[in-house]
């Protein structure tokens, strides 16, 4: 890293975008080269490495950040090649008769949503604890997961080939939900990093291709695999934007399907509501969740360490990620915020979960694939100046040297790249609570 860079990104001689080291109380946590789209990741030799938990590109055009949305391409299995997750050799094939290619499908031998969930809890001080979690293979509930922007293919829309980027996203964001549901995740022809770098909302055709591809997977799932089971939908960034379109058109307006919806988790997608209300803009019938144990509702938020700037991609209606779901209205509207740590409102501690390879603790090293940092953050929903956001505040003391998230892409993005993992334990608990209420209410 350029010693005179002042903590900014610098370009290596090979064209790699180099991220400065994470800092905590003056400690240097490690430097990881990050490459721009279509360039393979390069890791430093020796020392702690932080694999590409969020591969991304950003450029400034007319003062607006035109960037690929959160691209979580992270996985402990990335140390190998694609052979670690072979395609076409499962007892349950990835591609079905309808042409859907399944990234995650219950019964698949190489299912990235059904891996080892063993976690080391790392407190600020004192002993560390290793805890286990087991996928609920026979859950009565299904989760339908849509991954964020991860594809670095050169075309406007990705093909349906399962690659390491999609596998990594599913492992990082969706796998832990396997303890409370059977996780389904179709591949879809998402807009690629290259496409989104040209501008959000500037290519309606590419957005339409992505949406129609996802809709085909959803229809296939409902027709051939759901069997009337209650559903939780989960999406982040572009995945949330596509789900917003799908829910508005095919769930919100359909009482029969809406009755099966347990919970919708739409992080970093800019769900909107009339100011002071919990339903009526993005969705006409699906309300925001306002109490613990509520079901048939929406948890939506975008995380920031402070107020989103005026030109932020998240937290402000009618701009940024809103354009991917066709939401351009602003008058009388606010972006929704439901605190995943306190659905009924107020401030509460987040329960973050990260793949250890992406957010490793200070020595000694841990051997589990997951790591969690209890009591490192608190969160509450806040509104000011036309923006609404999940205010995430670090709660670490001066001697706490655990790694913390940063606004990696700057204030316009906030903590978007870590929206899901910052609250992953809370979200899984929210699903479990909603499932219990649903089962009780529908019995």
Protein backbone atom coordinates (compact mmCIF):
# COMPACT_ATOMS: atom_id res chain seq x y z
CA UNK A 1 0.00 0.00 0.00
CA UNK A 2 1.14 3.47 -0.79
CA UNK A 3 2.34 4.90 2.54
CA UNK A 4 1.10 8.31 1.42
CA UNK A 5 -2.37 7.12 0.44
CA UNK A 6 -3.98 8.22 3.69
CA UNK A 7 -5.98 5.00 3.91
CA UNK A 8 -7.44 5.27 0.41
CA UNK A 9 -7.50 2.53 -2.21
CA UNK A 10 -4.43 2.39 -4.42
CA UNK A 11 -3.70 0.61 -7.67
CA UNK A 12 -0.94 -1.95 -7.82
CA UNK A 13 1.31 -2.20 -10.84
CA UNK A 14 -0.80 -5.15 -11.97
CA UNK A 15 -4.01 -3.12 -11.94
CA UNK A 16 -5.35 -4.51 -8.68
CA UNK A 17 -7.40 -2.27 -6.43
CA UNK A 18 -5.70 -2.55 -3.05
CA UNK A 19 -7.75 -2.06 0.07
CA UNK A 20 -6.04 -0.47 3.08
CA UNK A 21 -5.77 -2.54 6.20
CA UNK A 22 -8.60 -2.69 8.68
CA UNK A 23 -7.76 -0.51 11.64
CA UNK A 24 -8.76 -0.93 15.23
CA UNK A 25 -7.07 0.99 18.06
CA UNK A 26 -4.07 1.61 15.85
CA UNK A 27 -3.73 -2.07 14.81
CA UNK A 28 -3.15 -3.12 11.22
CA UNK A 29 -5.30 -6.15 10.50
CA UNK A 30 -3.93 -7.07 7.08
CA UNK A 31 -3.90 -5.84 3.50
CA UNK A 32 -5.85 -7.53 0.72
CA UNK A 33 -5.56 -6.64 -2.95
CA UNK A 34 -8.99 -6.25 -4.55
CA UNK A 35 -9.24 -6.46 -8.31
CA UNK A 36 -11.69 -4.63 -10.49
CA UNK A 37 -14.27 -6.65 -12.46
CA UNK A 38 -13.09 -9.36 -14.83
CA UNK A 39 -9.73 -9.65 -13.07
CA UNK A 40 -9.08 -12.62 -10.82
CA UNK A 41 -8.51 -11.98 -7.15
CA UNK A 42 -4.89 -11.93 -6.01
CA UNK A 43 -3.93 -12.64 -2.44
CA UNK A 44 -0.78 -11.55 -0.65
CA UNK A 45 1.74 -14.10 0.44
CA UNK A 46 1.75 -14.85 4.13
CA UNK A 47 0.01 -13.11 6.98
CA UNK A 48 -3.71 -12.93 7.65
CA UNK A 49 -5.71 -12.68 4.49
CA UNK A 50 -9.22 -11.42 4.00
CA UNK A 51 -10.71 -13.01 0.87
CA UNK A 52 -13.04 -10.97 -1.31
CA UNK A 53 -16.12 -10.74 0.88
CA UNK A 54 -17.37 -8.02 -1.39
CA UNK A 55 -15.92 -7.80 -4.88
CA UNK A 56 -17.00 -4.55 -6.34
CA UNK A 57 -16.40 -1.77 -8.80
CA UNK A 58 -17.35 1.88 -8.59
CA UNK A 59 -16.97 4.79 -10.92
CA UNK A 60 -18.06 8.41 -10.84
CA UNK A 61 -20.14 9.73 -13.72
CA UNK A 62 -21.60 13.21 -13.38
CA UNK A 63 -20.97 13.12 -9.66
CA UNK A 64 -23.13 10.01 -9.13
CA UNK A 65 -21.73 6.68 -8.05
CA UNK A 66 -22.69 4.20 -10.78
CA UNK A 67 -21.62 0.97 -9.23
CA UNK A 68 -22.44 -2.65 -9.11
CA UNK A 69 -24.56 -3.34 -6.04
CA UNK A 70 -23.28 -5.41 -3.15
CA UNK A 71 -21.25 -8.22 -4.61
CA UNK A 72 -20.66 -10.78 -1.94
CA UNK A 73 -18.32 -13.31 -3.46
CA UNK A 74 -17.01 -14.84 -0.30
CA UNK A 75 -16.48 -18.42 0.73
CA UNK A 76 -14.10 -20.41 2.83
CA UNK A 77 -14.06 -22.91 -0.03
CA UNK A 78 -12.59 -20.35 -2.40
CA UNK A 79 -9.13 -21.63 -1.64
CA UNK A 80 -9.83 -24.36 -4.17
CA UNK A 81 -11.25 -24.19 -7.66
CA UNK A 82 -14.68 -24.84 -9.10
CA UNK A 83 -14.16 -28.58 -8.67
CA UNK A 84 -14.94 -28.09 -4.98
CA UNK A 85 -18.56 -27.62 -6.06
CA UNK A 86 -18.94 -29.74 -9.22
CA UNK A 87 -22.03 -29.20 -11.31
CA UNK A 88 -24.01 -32.07 -12.80
CA UNK A 89 -22.91 -34.87 -10.47
CA UNK A 90 -25.49 -34.54 -7.71
CA UNK A 91 -28.08 -37.21 -6.89
CA UNK A 92 -30.45 -34.22 -7.11
CA UNK A 93 -29.36 -32.35 -10.26
CA UNK A 94 -28.92 -28.60 -10.30
CA UNK A 95 -30.94 -28.18 -13.49
CA UNK A 96 -34.54 -29.42 -13.46
CA UNK A 97 -36.95 -30.35 -16.24
CA UNK A 98 -38.31 -26.81 -16.46
CA UNK A 99 -34.84 -25.43 -17.14
CA UNK A 100 -34.27 -23.84 -13.72
CA UNK A 101 -30.69 -24.12 -12.51
CA UNK A 102 -30.64 -24.37 -8.72
CA UNK A 103 -27.82 -22.78 -6.79
CA UNK A 104 -29.33 -24.17 -3.58
CA UNK A 105 -31.75 -27.06 -3.64
CA UNK A 106 -32.60 -29.36 -0.73
CA UNK A 107 -31.07 -32.79 -1.25
CA UNK A 108 -28.25 -31.59 -3.46
CA UNK A 109 -24.92 -33.12 -2.45
CA UNK A 110 -23.06 -29.90 -3.25
CA UNK A 111 -25.56 -27.47 -1.77
CA UNK A 112 -23.77 -24.28 -0.59
CA UNK A 113 -26.78 -23.51 1.61
CA UNK A 114 -26.29 -26.66 3.68
CA UNK A 115 -22.68 -26.52 4.85
CA UNK A 116 -20.86 -26.62 8.17
CA UNK A 117 -22.22 -23.88 10.45
CA UNK A 118 -19.87 -24.38 13.41
CA UNK A 119 -19.05 -20.97 14.86
CA UNK A 120 -16.54 -19.49 17.28
CA UNK A 121 -18.01 -16.75 19.47
CA UNK A 122 -15.31 -14.15 20.11
CA UNK A 123 -16.12 -11.77 22.97
CA UNK A 124 -14.26 -8.55 23.66
CA UNK A 125 -12.34 -10.38 26.40
CA UNK A 126 -12.40 -13.75 28.06
CA UNK A 127 -12.69 -17.27 26.67
CA UNK A 128 -13.97 -18.03 23.21
CA UNK A 129 -16.81 -20.50 22.74
CA UNK A 130 -17.38 -22.91 19.89
CA UNK A 131 -21.04 -23.59 19.07
CA UNK A 132 -22.68 -25.92 16.58
CA UNK A 133 -25.79 -25.54 14.43
CA UNK A 134 -27.48 -28.18 12.30
CA UNK A 135 -29.52 -27.62 9.13
CA UNK A 136 -33.21 -28.41 9.58
CA UNK A 137 -33.52 -30.99 6.83
CA UNK A 138 -37.16 -31.72 7.65
CA UNK A 139 -38.38 -28.18 8.31
CA UNK A 140 -42.00 -27.45 7.44
CA UNK A 141 -40.90 -24.09 6.00
CA UNK A 142 -39.12 -23.08 2.81
CA UNK A 143 -36.78 -20.14 2.27
CA UNK A 144 -36.45 -18.66 -1.22
CA UNK A 145 -33.15 -16.78 -1.51
CA UNK A 146 -32.07 -14.33 -4.23
CA UNK A 147 -28.40 -13.36 -4.22
CA UNK A 148 -26.98 -9.85 -4.79
CA UNK A 149 -24.82 -8.68 -7.69
CA UNK A 150 -21.87 -11.04 -7.98
CA UNK A 151 -21.38 -11.81 -11.65
CA UNK A 152 -18.29 -10.40 -13.36
CA UNK A 153 -19.22 -11.81 -16.75
CA UNK A 154 -18.69 -9.22 -19.51
CA UNK A 155 -22.28 -9.29 -20.82
CA UNK A 156 -25.14 -7.14 -19.55
CA UNK A 157 -26.86 -10.18 -18.04
CA UNK A 158 -25.21 -13.23 -16.54
CA UNK A 159 -25.85 -16.71 -17.82
CA UNK A 160 -27.06 -19.51 -15.54
CA UNK A 161 -23.72 -21.19 -14.98
CA UNK A 162 -23.07 -21.77 -11.28
CA UNK A 163 -19.76 -20.12 -10.49
CA UNK A 164 -17.76 -19.49 -7.33
CA UNK A 165 -19.23 -16.02 -6.91
CA UNK A 166 -22.78 -17.32 -6.57
CA UNK A 167 -21.65 -20.19 -4.35
CA UNK A 168 -19.83 -17.74 -2.10
CA UNK A 169 -22.86 -15.45 -1.82
CA UNK A 170 -25.10 -18.36 -0.84
CA UNK A 171 -22.64 -19.61 1.76
CA UNK A 172 -22.15 -16.18 3.30
CA UNK A 173 -25.77 -15.00 3.31
CA UNK A 174 -28.16 -17.93 3.02
CA UNK A 175 -26.55 -20.99 4.60
CA UNK A 176 -27.36 -20.08 8.20
CA UNK A 177 -31.07 -19.92 7.36
CA UNK A 178 -30.88 -23.67 6.76
CA UNK A 179 -31.33 -24.11 10.53
CA UNK A 180 -34.90 -22.80 10.26
CA UNK A 181 -36.02 -23.70 6.73
CA UNK A 182 -35.22 -25.61 3.57
CA UNK A 183 -33.34 -23.13 1.38
CA UNK A 184 -34.08 -22.83 -2.34
CA UNK A 185 -32.10 -20.43 -4.53
CA UNK A 186 -32.44 -20.33 -8.31
CA UNK A 187 -29.76 -18.98 -10.57
CA UNK A 188 -31.06 -15.96 -12.47
CA UNK A 189 -29.76 -13.79 -15.27
CA UNK A 190 -28.85 -10.91 -13.03
CA UNK A 191 -27.37 -7.68 -14.29
CA UNK A 192 -23.63 -8.01 -14.06
CA UNK A 193 -21.06 -5.77 -12.43
CA UNK A 194 -20.13 -4.47 -15.88
CA UNK A 195 -23.75 -3.58 -16.65
CA UNK A 196 -24.49 -1.87 -13.36
CA UNK A 197 -21.26 0.12 -13.56
CA UNK A 198 -22.87 1.94 -16.50
CA UNK A 199 -25.68 3.18 -14.27
CA UNK A 200 -28.63 2.01 -12.22
CA UNK A 201 -31.88 2.38 -14.12
CA UNK A 202 -30.16 3.05 -17.45
CA UNK A 203 -30.92 -0.35 -19.01
CA UNK A 204 -34.56 -1.37 -18.50
CA UNK A 205 -34.11 -4.26 -20.91
CA UNK A 206 -31.32 -5.81 -18.82
CA UNK A 207 -33.37 -5.28 -15.66
CA UNK A 208 -36.30 -6.98 -17.39
CA UNK A 209 -34.18 -9.95 -18.43
CA UNK A 210 -33.00 -10.39 -14.84
CA UNK A 211 -36.52 -10.15 -13.46
CA UNK A 212 -38.11 -12.52 -15.99
CA UNK A 213 -35.38 -15.05 -15.32
CA UNK A 214 -36.03 -14.91 -11.58
CA UNK A 215 -39.79 -15.05 -12.12
CA UNK A 216 -39.36 -18.24 -14.15
CA UNK A 217 -37.48 -19.82 -11.24
CA UNK A 218 -40.13 -18.68 -8.78
CA UNK A 219 -42.97 -20.07 -10.89
CA UNK A 220 -41.13 -23.37 -11.29
CA UNK A 221 -40.60 -23.53 -7.54
CA UNK A 222 -44.26 -22.82 -6.75
CA UNK A 223 -45.58 -25.27 -9.34
CA UNK A 224 -43.24 -28.21 -8.81
CA UNK A 225 -41.56 -27.97 -5.41
CA UNK A 226 -43.47 -25.85 -2.89
CA UNK A 227 -46.43 -28.20 -2.28
CA UNK A 228 -48.27 -25.50 -0.37
CA UNK A 229 -45.53 -24.97 2.20
CA UNK A 230 -45.15 -21.59 3.97
CA UNK A 231 -42.39 -19.42 2.52
CA UNK A 232 -39.77 -16.96 3.70
CA UNK A 233 -38.20 -14.85 0.94
CA UNK A 234 -34.72 -13.42 1.42
CA UNK A 235 -32.88 -11.01 -0.85
CA UNK A 236 -30.13 -8.42 -0.70
CA UNK A 237 -29.31 -5.52 -3.01
CA UNK A 238 -30.13 -6.53 -6.61
CA UNK A 239 -31.66 -9.69 -5.16
CA UNK A 240 -33.94 -7.55 -2.96
CA UNK A 241 -34.81 -5.30 -5.91
CA UNK A 242 -35.86 -8.30 -8.01
CA UNK A 243 -37.88 -9.71 -5.12
CA UNK A 244 -39.62 -6.37 -4.65
CA UNK A 245 -40.85 -6.57 -8.23
CA UNK A 246 -41.84 -10.20 -7.86
CA UNK A 247 -43.66 -9.74 -4.55
CA UNK A 248 -45.51 -6.65 -5.76
CA UNK A 249 -46.75 -8.37 -8.91
CA UNK A 250 -47.31 -11.96 -7.82
CA UNK A 251 -47.68 -12.13 -4.04
CA UNK A 252 -48.98 -8.82 -2.71
CA UNK A 253 -51.96 -8.92 -5.08
CA UNK A 254 -52.65 -12.67 -4.73
CA UNK A 255 -54.37 -13.54 -1.42
CA UNK A 256 -53.74 -17.28 -1.82
CA UNK A 257 -49.97 -16.90 -2.24
CA UNK A 258 -49.81 -14.02 0.23
CA UNK A 259 -51.32 -16.29 2.87
CA UNK A 260 -48.29 -18.57 2.55
CA UNK A 261 -45.76 -15.79 3.04
CA UNK A 262 -44.26 -16.00 6.52
CA UNK A 263 -41.69 -13.23 6.19
CA UNK A 264 -39.94 -11.17 3.52
CA UNK A 265 -36.38 -10.06 4.30
CA UNK A 266 -35.41 -7.36 1.81
CA UNK A 267 -32.09 -5.81 2.82
CA UNK A 268 -30.60 -2.94 0.86
CA UNK A 269 -33.45 -2.79 -1.66
CA UNK A 270 -35.29 0.44 -0.73
CA UNK A 271 -38.79 -0.78 0.11
CA UNK A 272 -40.89 2.37 0.48
CA UNK A 273 -43.95 3.31 2.54
CA UNK A 274 -45.95 6.52 2.96
CA UNK A 275 -44.33 8.62 5.69
CA UNK A 276 -45.55 7.45 9.08
CA UNK A 277 -47.26 4.31 7.75
CA UNK A 278 -46.28 0.66 7.44
CA UNK A 279 -47.93 -0.23 4.11
CA UNK A 280 -49.18 1.44 0.96
CA UNK A 281 -46.34 2.31 -1.45
CA UNK A 282 -44.11 -0.56 -2.63
CA UNK A 283 -46.71 -3.03 -1.37
CA UNK A 284 -50.45 -2.49 -0.98
CA UNK A 285 -51.11 -5.40 1.35
CA UNK A 286 -47.78 -6.59 2.77
CA UNK A 287 -47.00 -4.43 5.82
CA UNK A 288 -43.71 -3.78 7.51
CA UNK A 289 -43.16 -5.92 10.59
CA UNK A 290 -43.89 -3.85 13.70
CA UNK A 291 -43.90 -6.43 16.51
CA UNK A 292 -42.03 -9.56 17.50
CA UNK A 293 -43.85 -12.67 16.36
CA UNK A 294 -45.71 -10.95 13.54
CA UNK A 295 -45.85 -12.89 10.27
CA UNK A 296 -46.90 -12.06 6.73
CA UNK A 297 -44.78 -8.92 6.91
CA UNK A 298 -41.56 -7.34 5.66
CA UNK A 299 -38.20 -6.70 7.32
CA UNK A 300 -36.32 -4.11 5.27
CA UNK A 301 -33.39 -1.86 6.07
CA UNK A 302 -30.12 -0.37 4.85
CA UNK A 303 -27.30 -0.05 7.36
CA UNK A 304 -25.20 3.08 7.83
CA UNK A 305 -22.98 4.53 10.58
CA UNK A 306 -24.73 7.89 10.15
CA UNK A 307 -27.20 9.74 7.90
CA UNK A 308 -27.02 8.67 4.23
CA UNK A 309 -25.76 11.49 1.97
CA UNK A 310 -28.20 13.26 -0.35
CA UNK A 311 -27.05 11.18 -3.32
CA UNK A 312 -26.87 7.88 -1.45
CA UNK A 313 -27.81 4.69 -3.26
CA UNK A 314 -29.77 3.48 -0.24
CA UNK A 315 -32.10 4.91 2.37
CA UNK A 316 -33.62 7.58 0.11
CA UNK A 317 -36.69 6.96 -2.10
CA UNK A 318 -36.67 7.21 -5.88
CA UNK A 319 -32.93 6.88 -6.41
CA UNK A 320 -30.08 4.39 -6.31
CA UNK A 321 -31.20 0.81 -5.92
CA UNK A 322 -34.86 1.94 -6.11
CA UNK A 323 -34.41 2.26 -9.88
CA UNK A 324 -33.78 -1.46 -10.27
CA UNK A 325 -37.30 -2.23 -9.07
CA UNK A 326 -38.89 0.66 -10.97
CA UNK A 327 -39.55 2.75 -7.87
CA UNK A 328 -39.15 6.39 -8.91
CA UNK A 329 -41.77 8.10 -6.73
CA UNK A 330 -40.55 10.30 -3.88
CA UNK A 331 -43.38 12.59 -2.76
CA UNK A 332 -44.69 11.67 0.68
CA UNK A 333 -42.61 8.48 0.79
CA UNK A 334 -39.89 7.13 3.04
CA UNK A 335 -37.59 4.15 2.68
CA UNK A 336 -38.61 1.47 5.15
CA UNK A 337 -36.54 0.48 8.16
CA UNK A 338 -37.32 -2.46 10.41
CA UNK A 339 -34.59 -3.20 12.94
CA UNK A 340 -33.78 -6.92 12.64
CA UNK A 341 -32.46 -6.83 16.22
CA UNK A 342 -35.62 -5.18 17.61
CA UNK A 343 -38.56 -5.66 15.25
CA UNK A 344 -40.86 -3.77 17.59
CA UNK A 345 -38.53 -0.76 17.63
CA UNK A 346 -35.78 0.68 19.79
CA UNK A 347 -32.09 -0.07 20.16
CA UNK A 348 -30.71 -3.59 20.47
CA UNK A 349 -27.49 -5.53 20.00
CA UNK A 350 -26.76 -6.99 16.60
CA UNK A 351 -25.75 -10.64 16.28
CA UNK A 352 -23.20 -10.62 13.44
CA UNK A 353 -22.00 -13.78 11.71
CA UNK A 354 -19.18 -13.88 9.19
CA UNK A 355 -17.31 -16.62 7.43
CA UNK A 356 -14.04 -16.74 9.35
CA UNK A 357 -12.00 -16.33 6.18
CA UNK A 358 -13.59 -12.91 5.61
CA UNK A 359 -13.49 -11.40 9.10
CA UNK A 360 -10.88 -13.32 11.06
CA UNK A 361 -10.37 -12.41 14.73
CA UNK A 362 -7.04 -11.37 16.22
CA UNK A 363 -4.79 -14.25 17.35
CA UNK A 364 -5.12 -16.98 18.31
CA UNK A 365 -6.58 -18.27 15.06
CA UNK A 366 -9.89 -20.10 15.09
CA UNK A 367 -10.57 -23.34 13.25
CA UNK A 368 -14.32 -23.01 12.69
CA UNK A 369 -15.74 -21.88 9.33
CA UNK A 370 -17.82 -19.17 11.05
CA UNK A 371 -17.06 -16.47 13.57
CA UNK A 372 -19.33 -14.16 15.55
CA UNK A 373 -18.57 -11.05 17.60
CA UNK A 374 -21.16 -10.62 20.39
CA UNK A 375 -21.94 -7.12 21.63
CA UNK A 376 -19.75 -5.42 19.04
CA UNK A 377 -22.60 -3.40 17.50
CA UNK A 378 -25.98 -1.96 18.38
CA UNK A 379 -28.63 -0.84 15.91
CA UNK A 380 -31.73 1.30 15.73
CA UNK A 381 -33.83 2.78 12.93
CA UNK A 382 -33.45 6.52 12.39
CA UNK A 383 -34.91 9.13 10.04
CA UNK A 384 -33.63 12.60 9.20
CA UNK A 385 -33.42 14.89 6.21
CA UNK A 386 -35.52 12.69 3.95
CA UNK A 387 -33.51 9.54 4.66
CA UNK A 388 -34.31 6.48 6.77
CA UNK A 389 -31.65 3.98 7.75
CA UNK A 390 -30.53 1.36 10.24
CA UNK A 391 -28.05 3.23 12.43
CA UNK A 392 -25.27 0.78 13.30
CA UNK A 393 -23.04 1.91 16.15
CA UNK A 394 -19.87 0.23 17.30
CA UNK A 395 -20.02 -0.76 20.96
CA UNK A 396 -16.41 -1.83 21.38
CA UNK A 397 -14.31 -0.53 24.23
CA UNK A 398 -10.78 0.87 23.87
CA UNK A 399 -9.17 -2.54 24.47
CA UNK A 400 -11.41 -4.38 22.03
CA UNK A 401 -9.29 -5.31 19.00
CA UNK A 402 -11.89 -7.36 17.12
CA UNK A 403 -12.22 -6.36 13.44
CA UNK A 404 -15.05 -4.02 12.51
CA UNK A 405 -16.86 -3.32 9.26
CA UNK A 406 -16.16 -0.09 7.40
CA UNK A 407 -17.82 2.02 4.73
CA UNK A 408 -15.70 0.24 2.16
CA UNK A 409 -17.11 2.11 -0.83
CA UNK A 410 -17.68 5.39 0.94
CA UNK A 411 -20.58 7.21 2.62
CA UNK A 412 -23.02 6.72 -0.28
CA UNK A 413 -22.93 2.98 0.37
CA UNK A 414 -22.66 2.96 4.15
CA UNK A 415 -22.41 -0.62 5.44
CA UNK A 416 -24.37 -1.98 2.48
CA UNK A 417 -21.82 -4.66 1.72
CA UNK A 418 -22.37 -6.11 5.21
CA UNK A 419 -26.13 -5.52 5.55
CA UNK A 420 -26.93 -9.19 5.95
CA UNK A 421 -23.95 -10.45 7.93
CA UNK A 422 -24.10 -7.67 10.50
CA UNK A 423 -27.54 -8.93 11.54
CA UNK A 424 -27.46 -12.54 10.35
CA UNK A 425 -28.04 -14.05 13.79
CA UNK A 426 -30.94 -11.67 14.40
CA UNK A 427 -32.49 -12.43 11.02
CA UNK A 428 -32.37 -16.19 11.57
CA UNK A 429 -33.99 -15.67 14.98
CA UNK A 430 -36.64 -13.42 13.39
CA UNK A 431 -37.48 -16.19 10.94
CA UNK A 432 -37.77 -18.77 13.72
CA UNK A 433 -40.06 -16.48 15.72
CA UNK A 434 -42.26 -15.71 12.72
CA UNK A 435 -42.47 -19.42 11.87
CA UNK A 436 -43.66 -20.25 15.37
CA UNK A 437 -46.28 -17.52 15.21
CA UNK A 438 -47.36 -18.63 11.74
CA UNK A 439 -47.71 -22.25 12.83
CA UNK A 440 -49.74 -21.19 15.84
CA UNK A 441 -51.89 -18.73 13.92
CA UNK A 442 -52.62 -21.14 11.06
CA UNK A 443 -53.33 -24.18 13.25
